N, C-alpha and C. Protein backbone atom coordinates (compact mmCIF):
# COMPACT_ATOMS: atom_id res chain seq x y z
N MET A 1 0.81 -1.20 0.00
CA MET A 1 0.00 0.00 0.00
C MET A 1 0.86 1.26 0.00
N ASN A 2 2.13 1.13 -0.08
CA ASN A 2 3.01 2.28 -0.13
C ASN A 2 3.33 2.72 -1.54
N GLN A 3 2.47 2.39 -2.48
CA GLN A 3 2.67 2.82 -3.86
C GLN A 3 2.08 4.21 -4.04
N PRO A 4 2.77 5.07 -4.80
CA PRO A 4 2.25 6.43 -4.99
C PRO A 4 0.96 6.41 -5.82
N VAL A 5 0.12 7.38 -5.54
CA VAL A 5 -1.11 7.55 -6.30
C VAL A 5 -0.76 8.29 -7.58
N LYS A 6 -1.20 7.77 -8.71
CA LYS A 6 -0.90 8.43 -9.99
C LYS A 6 -2.03 9.40 -10.32
N ILE A 7 -1.66 10.65 -10.52
CA ILE A 7 -2.61 11.71 -10.83
C ILE A 7 -2.15 12.38 -12.11
N ASP A 8 -3.06 12.50 -13.07
CA ASP A 8 -2.67 13.12 -14.34
C ASP A 8 -2.38 14.61 -14.13
N LEU A 9 -1.71 15.20 -15.10
CA LEU A 9 -1.24 16.58 -14.98
C LEU A 9 -2.37 17.57 -14.76
N ASP A 10 -3.46 17.43 -15.48
CA ASP A 10 -4.59 18.35 -15.33
C ASP A 10 -5.13 18.31 -13.90
N LEU A 11 -5.36 17.12 -13.37
CA LEU A 11 -5.88 17.00 -12.02
C LEU A 11 -4.88 17.52 -10.99
N ARG A 12 -3.62 17.27 -11.23
CA ARG A 12 -2.58 17.75 -10.32
C ARG A 12 -2.59 19.28 -10.27
N GLU A 13 -2.74 19.93 -11.44
CA GLU A 13 -2.78 21.39 -11.48
C GLU A 13 -4.03 21.92 -10.77
N ARG A 14 -5.16 21.27 -10.98
CA ARG A 14 -6.39 21.69 -10.30
C ARG A 14 -6.25 21.56 -8.80
N LEU A 15 -5.68 20.46 -8.36
CA LEU A 15 -5.45 20.23 -6.94
C LEU A 15 -4.52 21.29 -6.36
N SER A 16 -3.49 21.65 -7.10
CA SER A 16 -2.56 22.68 -6.64
C SER A 16 -3.25 24.03 -6.53
N ARG A 17 -4.15 24.36 -7.47
CA ARG A 17 -4.88 25.63 -7.39
C ARG A 17 -5.75 25.67 -6.14
N ILE A 18 -6.43 24.57 -5.85
CA ILE A 18 -7.29 24.53 -4.65
C ILE A 18 -6.44 24.68 -3.40
N ALA A 19 -5.32 23.98 -3.36
CA ALA A 19 -4.43 24.08 -2.19
C ALA A 19 -3.94 25.51 -2.01
N ALA A 20 -3.60 26.17 -3.12
CA ALA A 20 -3.12 27.56 -3.03
C ALA A 20 -4.23 28.48 -2.53
N LEU A 21 -5.45 28.27 -3.00
CA LEU A 21 -6.58 29.09 -2.54
C LEU A 21 -6.83 28.92 -1.05
N ARG A 22 -6.59 27.73 -0.56
CA ARG A 22 -6.80 27.44 0.87
C ARG A 22 -5.57 27.74 1.71
N ASP A 23 -4.48 28.07 1.03
CA ASP A 23 -3.19 28.26 1.71
C ASP A 23 -2.86 27.03 2.54
N ALA A 24 -2.98 25.88 1.90
CA ALA A 24 -2.75 24.59 2.57
C ALA A 24 -1.86 23.72 1.68
N PRO A 25 -1.16 22.78 2.27
CA PRO A 25 -0.36 21.86 1.46
C PRO A 25 -1.26 20.98 0.59
N VAL A 26 -0.75 20.63 -0.58
CA VAL A 26 -1.50 19.75 -1.48
C VAL A 26 -1.85 18.45 -0.78
N GLN A 27 -0.93 17.93 0.03
CA GLN A 27 -1.18 16.67 0.73
C GLN A 27 -2.37 16.77 1.66
N ALA A 28 -2.56 17.92 2.30
CA ALA A 28 -3.70 18.11 3.21
C ALA A 28 -5.01 18.10 2.43
N VAL A 29 -5.04 18.79 1.29
CA VAL A 29 -6.24 18.83 0.46
C VAL A 29 -6.53 17.43 -0.09
N LEU A 30 -5.49 16.75 -0.52
CA LEU A 30 -5.66 15.40 -1.04
C LEU A 30 -6.15 14.45 0.05
N GLY A 31 -5.60 14.57 1.25
CA GLY A 31 -6.05 13.73 2.37
C GLY A 31 -7.51 13.97 2.69
N GLU A 32 -7.93 15.24 2.67
CA GLU A 32 -9.33 15.57 2.95
C GLU A 32 -10.25 14.99 1.87
N ALA A 33 -9.83 15.09 0.62
CA ALA A 33 -10.63 14.55 -0.48
C ALA A 33 -10.78 13.04 -0.36
N ILE A 34 -9.70 12.36 -0.02
CA ILE A 34 -9.76 10.91 0.13
C ILE A 34 -10.66 10.54 1.30
N GLN A 35 -10.56 11.26 2.40
CA GLN A 35 -11.41 10.98 3.56
C GLN A 35 -12.88 11.14 3.20
N GLN A 36 -13.22 12.22 2.50
CA GLN A 36 -14.61 12.45 2.10
C GLN A 36 -15.10 11.35 1.16
N TYR A 37 -14.26 10.93 0.23
CA TYR A 37 -14.62 9.85 -0.69
C TYR A 37 -14.89 8.55 0.06
N VAL A 38 -13.99 8.20 0.97
CA VAL A 38 -14.14 6.95 1.72
C VAL A 38 -15.41 6.99 2.57
N GLU A 39 -15.67 8.10 3.24
CA GLU A 39 -16.88 8.22 4.06
C GLU A 39 -18.14 8.11 3.21
N ARG A 40 -18.14 8.74 2.03
CA ARG A 40 -19.30 8.68 1.13
C ARG A 40 -19.53 7.25 0.63
N GLU A 41 -18.46 6.56 0.26
CA GLU A 41 -18.59 5.19 -0.23
C GLU A 41 -19.01 4.23 0.89
N GLU A 42 -18.52 4.45 2.10
CA GLU A 42 -18.96 3.63 3.23
C GLU A 42 -20.45 3.83 3.48
N ALA A 43 -20.91 5.07 3.42
CA ALA A 43 -22.33 5.36 3.63
C ALA A 43 -23.17 4.71 2.52
N ARG A 44 -22.69 4.78 1.29
CA ARG A 44 -23.41 4.17 0.16
C ARG A 44 -23.51 2.66 0.33
N GLU A 45 -22.42 2.02 0.72
CA GLU A 45 -22.43 0.57 0.92
C GLU A 45 -23.33 0.19 2.10
N SER A 46 -23.33 1.00 3.15
CA SER A 46 -24.20 0.75 4.29
C SER A 46 -25.67 0.84 3.88
N PHE A 47 -26.01 1.86 3.09
CA PHE A 47 -27.37 2.02 2.59
C PHE A 47 -27.79 0.81 1.76
N LYS A 48 -26.91 0.36 0.87
CA LYS A 48 -27.24 -0.79 0.04
C LYS A 48 -27.40 -2.05 0.88
N ALA A 49 -26.57 -2.22 1.90
CA ALA A 49 -26.69 -3.38 2.78
C ALA A 49 -28.01 -3.34 3.56
N GLU A 50 -28.40 -2.15 4.02
CA GLU A 50 -29.68 -2.01 4.73
C GLU A 50 -30.85 -2.34 3.80
N ALA A 51 -30.77 -1.90 2.56
CA ALA A 51 -31.84 -2.19 1.59
C ALA A 51 -31.93 -3.68 1.32
N ARG A 52 -30.77 -4.33 1.16
CA ARG A 52 -30.79 -5.79 0.93
C ARG A 52 -31.37 -6.52 2.14
N ALA A 53 -31.01 -6.07 3.34
CA ALA A 53 -31.52 -6.71 4.56
C ALA A 53 -33.03 -6.50 4.69
N ALA A 54 -33.51 -5.30 4.37
CA ALA A 54 -34.95 -5.03 4.46
C ALA A 54 -35.72 -5.90 3.46
N ARG A 55 -35.18 -6.03 2.27
CA ARG A 55 -35.84 -6.87 1.27
C ARG A 55 -35.86 -8.33 1.71
N ALA A 56 -34.76 -8.78 2.27
CA ALA A 56 -34.69 -10.18 2.74
C ALA A 56 -35.65 -10.41 3.90
N ALA A 57 -35.84 -9.40 4.73
CA ALA A 57 -36.69 -9.54 5.91
C ALA A 57 -38.16 -9.67 5.55
N ASP A 58 -38.63 -8.91 4.54
CA ASP A 58 -40.06 -8.99 4.22
C ASP A 58 -40.35 -9.74 2.94
N GLY A 59 -39.33 -10.03 2.16
CA GLY A 59 -39.51 -10.90 0.99
C GLY A 59 -40.16 -10.27 -0.22
N HIS A 60 -40.44 -8.98 -0.20
CA HIS A 60 -40.99 -8.36 -1.40
C HIS A 60 -40.47 -6.94 -1.55
N HIS A 61 -40.69 -6.40 -2.73
CA HIS A 61 -40.16 -5.07 -3.01
C HIS A 61 -40.94 -4.42 -4.15
N MET A 62 -40.66 -3.14 -4.39
CA MET A 62 -41.19 -2.41 -5.53
C MET A 62 -40.01 -2.06 -6.42
N THR A 63 -40.21 -2.13 -7.73
CA THR A 63 -39.15 -1.71 -8.64
C THR A 63 -39.16 -0.19 -8.73
N ALA A 64 -38.12 0.37 -9.30
CA ALA A 64 -38.06 1.82 -9.50
C ALA A 64 -39.21 2.27 -10.39
N ASP A 65 -39.55 1.48 -11.42
CA ASP A 65 -40.67 1.84 -12.30
C ASP A 65 -41.99 1.87 -11.52
N ASP A 66 -42.16 0.92 -10.59
CA ASP A 66 -43.36 0.91 -9.75
C ASP A 66 -43.46 2.20 -8.94
N VAL A 67 -42.35 2.60 -8.37
CA VAL A 67 -42.33 3.80 -7.52
C VAL A 67 -42.64 5.04 -8.36
N VAL A 68 -42.01 5.16 -9.53
CA VAL A 68 -42.24 6.32 -10.39
C VAL A 68 -43.70 6.38 -10.81
N ALA A 69 -44.28 5.25 -11.24
CA ALA A 69 -45.68 5.24 -11.65
C ALA A 69 -46.58 5.63 -10.48
N ARG A 70 -46.28 5.14 -9.32
CA ARG A 70 -47.09 5.44 -8.13
C ARG A 70 -47.03 6.94 -7.80
N LEU A 71 -45.83 7.50 -7.85
CA LEU A 71 -45.67 8.92 -7.54
C LEU A 71 -46.35 9.80 -8.58
N ARG A 72 -46.27 9.41 -9.83
CA ARG A 72 -46.92 10.20 -10.88
C ARG A 72 -48.44 10.19 -10.74
N GLY A 73 -48.99 9.16 -10.12
CA GLY A 73 -50.43 9.07 -9.94
C GLY A 73 -50.96 9.87 -8.77
N TRP A 74 -50.08 10.32 -7.88
CA TRP A 74 -50.53 11.08 -6.72
C TRP A 74 -51.20 12.36 -7.18
N GLY A 75 -52.32 12.66 -6.59
CA GLY A 75 -53.02 13.90 -6.89
C GLY A 75 -53.93 13.82 -8.09
N SER A 76 -53.87 12.72 -8.83
CA SER A 76 -54.76 12.59 -9.98
C SER A 76 -56.07 11.98 -9.50
N GLU A 77 -57.13 12.17 -10.28
CA GLU A 77 -58.44 11.67 -9.88
C GLU A 77 -58.48 10.14 -9.84
N GLN A 78 -57.85 9.50 -10.82
CA GLN A 78 -57.92 8.04 -10.87
C GLN A 78 -56.84 7.38 -10.01
N GLY A 79 -55.78 8.09 -9.72
CA GLY A 79 -54.71 7.51 -8.91
C GLY A 79 -54.05 6.35 -9.63
N VAL A 80 -53.25 5.62 -8.91
CA VAL A 80 -52.56 4.47 -9.48
C VAL A 80 -52.76 3.29 -8.53
N ALA A 81 -53.10 2.17 -9.10
CA ALA A 81 -53.31 0.97 -8.28
C ALA A 81 -52.01 0.56 -7.60
N ARG A 82 -52.14 -0.02 -6.45
CA ARG A 82 -50.96 -0.54 -5.74
C ARG A 82 -50.32 -1.62 -6.60
N PRO A 83 -49.01 -1.56 -6.77
CA PRO A 83 -48.33 -2.58 -7.59
C PRO A 83 -48.46 -3.96 -6.97
N GLU A 84 -48.37 -4.95 -7.82
CA GLU A 84 -48.42 -6.33 -7.33
C GLU A 84 -47.17 -6.64 -6.55
N ARG A 85 -47.32 -7.56 -5.59
CA ARG A 85 -46.19 -7.99 -4.79
C ARG A 85 -45.18 -8.70 -5.67
N ARG A 86 -43.91 -8.36 -5.50
CA ARG A 86 -42.84 -9.02 -6.23
C ARG A 86 -41.96 -9.75 -5.24
N ASP A 87 -41.84 -11.03 -5.41
CA ASP A 87 -41.02 -11.84 -4.50
C ASP A 87 -39.69 -12.17 -5.13
């Protein structure tokens, strides 16, 4: 894990500009960016794990198309029928 991170010239220049604006070392800005990325990806994986667990617990779900159709029917006179259970 002690291999250097390869960053193309354009990204390196952009990173340097941000560091200069913050009056901070490039390494500090890069460390902050990596920390934010890791935290975001951990949260995303946690959300997906919770969704999988919820689906496994009740055995059914709605597809994205079901949800969109249901939401589009809100407020209309005829509404939208509840989608069929999907196991």
